Amino acid sequence: MSEVLAKLDQLVLKQKKVRAEAELTLYKVQNSKAFRVMKCPGCGGRALSNDPDEPFVCECGWRSDKANGDAR
């Protein structure tokens, strides 16, 4: 029984950490320049750019300035 409670405590702590990180990311995005978003051709996720002169960048490492052809 104590193993189950310990595992539950770990999951609750992990959920709190993930929620805090998400709230921090949301705060940073809301208080910064507007982001442009496009679908990443590499992984299907979101590629972001916060400046028209900057390339789109995705968490998977894909960058529009390194792509074959013009990705914009």
C-alpha atoms as a PDB file:
ATOM      1  CA  MET A   1       0.000   0.000   0.000  1.00  0.00           C
ATOM      2  CA  SER A   2       2.811   2.407   0.834  1.00  0.00           C
ATOM      3  CA  GLU A   3       4.364   1.741  -2.590  1.00  0.00           C
ATOM      4  CA  VAL A   4       1.130   2.829  -4.254  1.00  0.00           C
ATOM      5  CA  LEU A   5       1.003   6.011  -2.164  1.00  0.00           C
ATOM      6  CA  ALA A   6       4.648   6.765  -2.937  1.00  0.00           C
ATOM      7  CA  LYS A   7       4.011   6.312  -6.666  1.00  0.00           C
ATOM      8  CA  LEU A   8       0.944   8.548  -6.421  1.00  0.00           C
ATOM      9  CA  ASP A   9       2.987  11.227  -4.661  1.00  0.00           C
ATOM     10  CA  GLN A  10       5.587  11.057  -7.446  1.00  0.00           C
ATOM     11  CA  LEU A  11       2.901  11.466 -10.113  1.00  0.00           C
ATOM     12  CA  VAL A  12       1.355  14.433  -8.295  1.00  0.00           C
ATOM     13  CA  LEU A  13       4.761  16.137  -7.992  1.00  0.00           C
ATOM     14  CA  LYS A  14       5.472  15.485 -11.674  1.00  0.00           C
ATOM     15  CA  GLN A  15       2.080  16.951 -12.639  1.00  0.00           C
ATOM     16  CA  LYS A  16       2.744  20.072 -10.541  1.00  0.00           C
ATOM     17  CA  LYS A  17       6.160  20.511 -12.177  1.00  0.00           C
ATOM     18  CA  VAL A  18       4.729  20.140 -15.701  1.00  0.00           C
ATOM     19  CA  ARG A  19       1.925  22.587 -14.913  1.00  0.00           C
ATOM     20  CA  ALA A  20       4.382  25.140 -13.492  1.00  0.00           C
ATOM     21  CA  GLU A  21       6.590  24.850 -16.594  1.00  0.00           C
ATOM     22  CA  ALA A  22       3.569  25.291 -18.878  1.00  0.00           C
ATOM     23  CA  GLU A  23       2.411  28.355 -16.951  1.00  0.00           C
ATOM     24  CA  LEU A  24       5.905  29.875 -17.149  1.00  0.00           C
ATOM     25  CA  THR A  25       6.072  29.248 -20.903  1.00  0.00           C
ATOM     26  CA  LEU A  26       2.630  30.776 -21.385  1.00  0.00           C
ATOM     27  CA  TYR A  27       3.664  33.823 -19.337  1.00  0.00           C
ATOM     28  CA  LYS A  28       6.822  34.272 -21.428  1.00  0.00           C
ATOM     29  CA  VAL A  29       4.881  34.010 -24.690  1.00  0.00           C
ATOM     30  CA  GLN A  30       2.141  36.390 -23.554  1.00  0.00           C
ATOM     31  CA  ASN A  31       4.693  38.977 -22.421  1.00  0.00           C
ATOM     32  CA  SER A  32       6.938  38.884 -25.462  1.00  0.00           C
ATOM     33  CA  LYS A  33       6.623  39.765 -29.111  1.00  0.00           C
ATOM     34  CA  ALA A  34       3.884  38.023 -31.054  1.00  0.00           C
ATOM     35  CA  PHE A  35       4.944  34.648 -32.398  1.00  0.00           C
ATOM     36  CA  ARG A  36       4.319  33.440 -35.916  1.00  0.00           C
ATOM     37  CA  VAL A  37       3.427  29.749 -36.080  1.00  0.00           C
ATOM     38  CA  MET A  38       3.615  27.203 -38.868  1.00  0.00           C
ATOM     39  CA  LYS A  39       3.288  23.414 -38.985  1.00  0.00           C
ATOM     40  CA  CYS A  40       6.723  21.823 -38.845  1.00  0.00           C
ATOM     41  CA  PRO A  41       7.340  19.626 -41.894  1.00  0.00           C
ATOM     42  CA  GLY A  42       9.891  17.648 -39.870  1.00  0.00           C
ATOM     43  CA  CYS A  43       7.738  16.369 -37.001  1.00  0.00           C
ATOM     44  CA  GLY A  44       4.272  17.855 -37.555  1.00  0.00           C
ATOM     45  CA  GLY A  45       4.585  20.034 -34.439  1.00  0.00           C
ATOM     46  CA  ARG A  46       4.640  23.809 -34.203  1.00  0.00           C
ATOM     47  CA  ALA A  47       7.544  25.818 -35.584  1.00  0.00           C
ATOM     48  CA  LEU A  48       7.753  29.332 -34.131  1.00  0.00           C
ATOM     49  CA  SER A  49       9.319  32.618 -35.164  1.00  0.00           C
ATOM     50  CA  ASN A  50       9.024  35.889 -33.270  1.00  0.00           C
ATOM     51  CA  ASP A  51      10.490  38.159 -35.936  1.00  0.00           C
ATOM     52  CA  PRO A  52       9.720  38.350 -39.679  1.00  0.00           C
ATOM     53  CA  ASP A  53      13.472  38.390 -40.383  1.00  0.00           C
ATOM     54  CA  GLU A  54      14.159  35.308 -38.262  1.00  0.00           C
ATOM     55  CA  PRO A  55      13.657  31.692 -39.410  1.00  0.00           C
ATOM     56  CA  PHE A  56      10.982  29.388 -38.069  1.00  0.00           C
ATOM     57  CA  VAL A  57      12.429  26.982 -35.482  1.00  0.00           C
ATOM     58  CA  CYS A  58      10.867  23.805 -34.073  1.00  0.00           C
ATOM     59  CA  GLU A  59      11.699  21.864 -30.901  1.00  0.00           C
ATOM     60  CA  CYS A  60      12.705  18.872 -33.074  1.00  0.00           C
ATOM     61  CA  GLY A  61      15.582  20.971 -34.470  1.00  0.00           C
ATOM     62  CA  TRP A  62      14.058  21.822 -37.853  1.00  0.00           C
ATOM     63  CA  ARG A  63      14.828  25.352 -39.069  1.00  0.00           C
ATOM     64  CA  SER A  64      13.323  27.069 -42.092  1.00  0.00           C
ATOM     65  CA  ASP A  65      16.664  28.611 -43.055  1.00  0.00           C
ATOM     66  CA  LYS A  66      18.290  25.152 -43.218  1.00  0.00           C
ATOM     67  CA  ALA A  67      15.443  23.490 -45.142  1.00  0.00           C
ATOM     68  CA  ASN A  68      15.694  22.540 -48.794  1.00  0.00           C
ATOM     69  CA  GLY A  69      13.950  25.243 -50.770  1.00  0.00           C
ATOM     70  CA  ASP A  70      12.026  28.138 -49.291  1.00  0.00           C
ATOM     71  CA  ALA A  71      10.004  26.957 -46.291  1.00  0.00           C
ATOM     72  CA  ARG A  72       8.182  30.231 -45.764  1.00  0.00           C
END
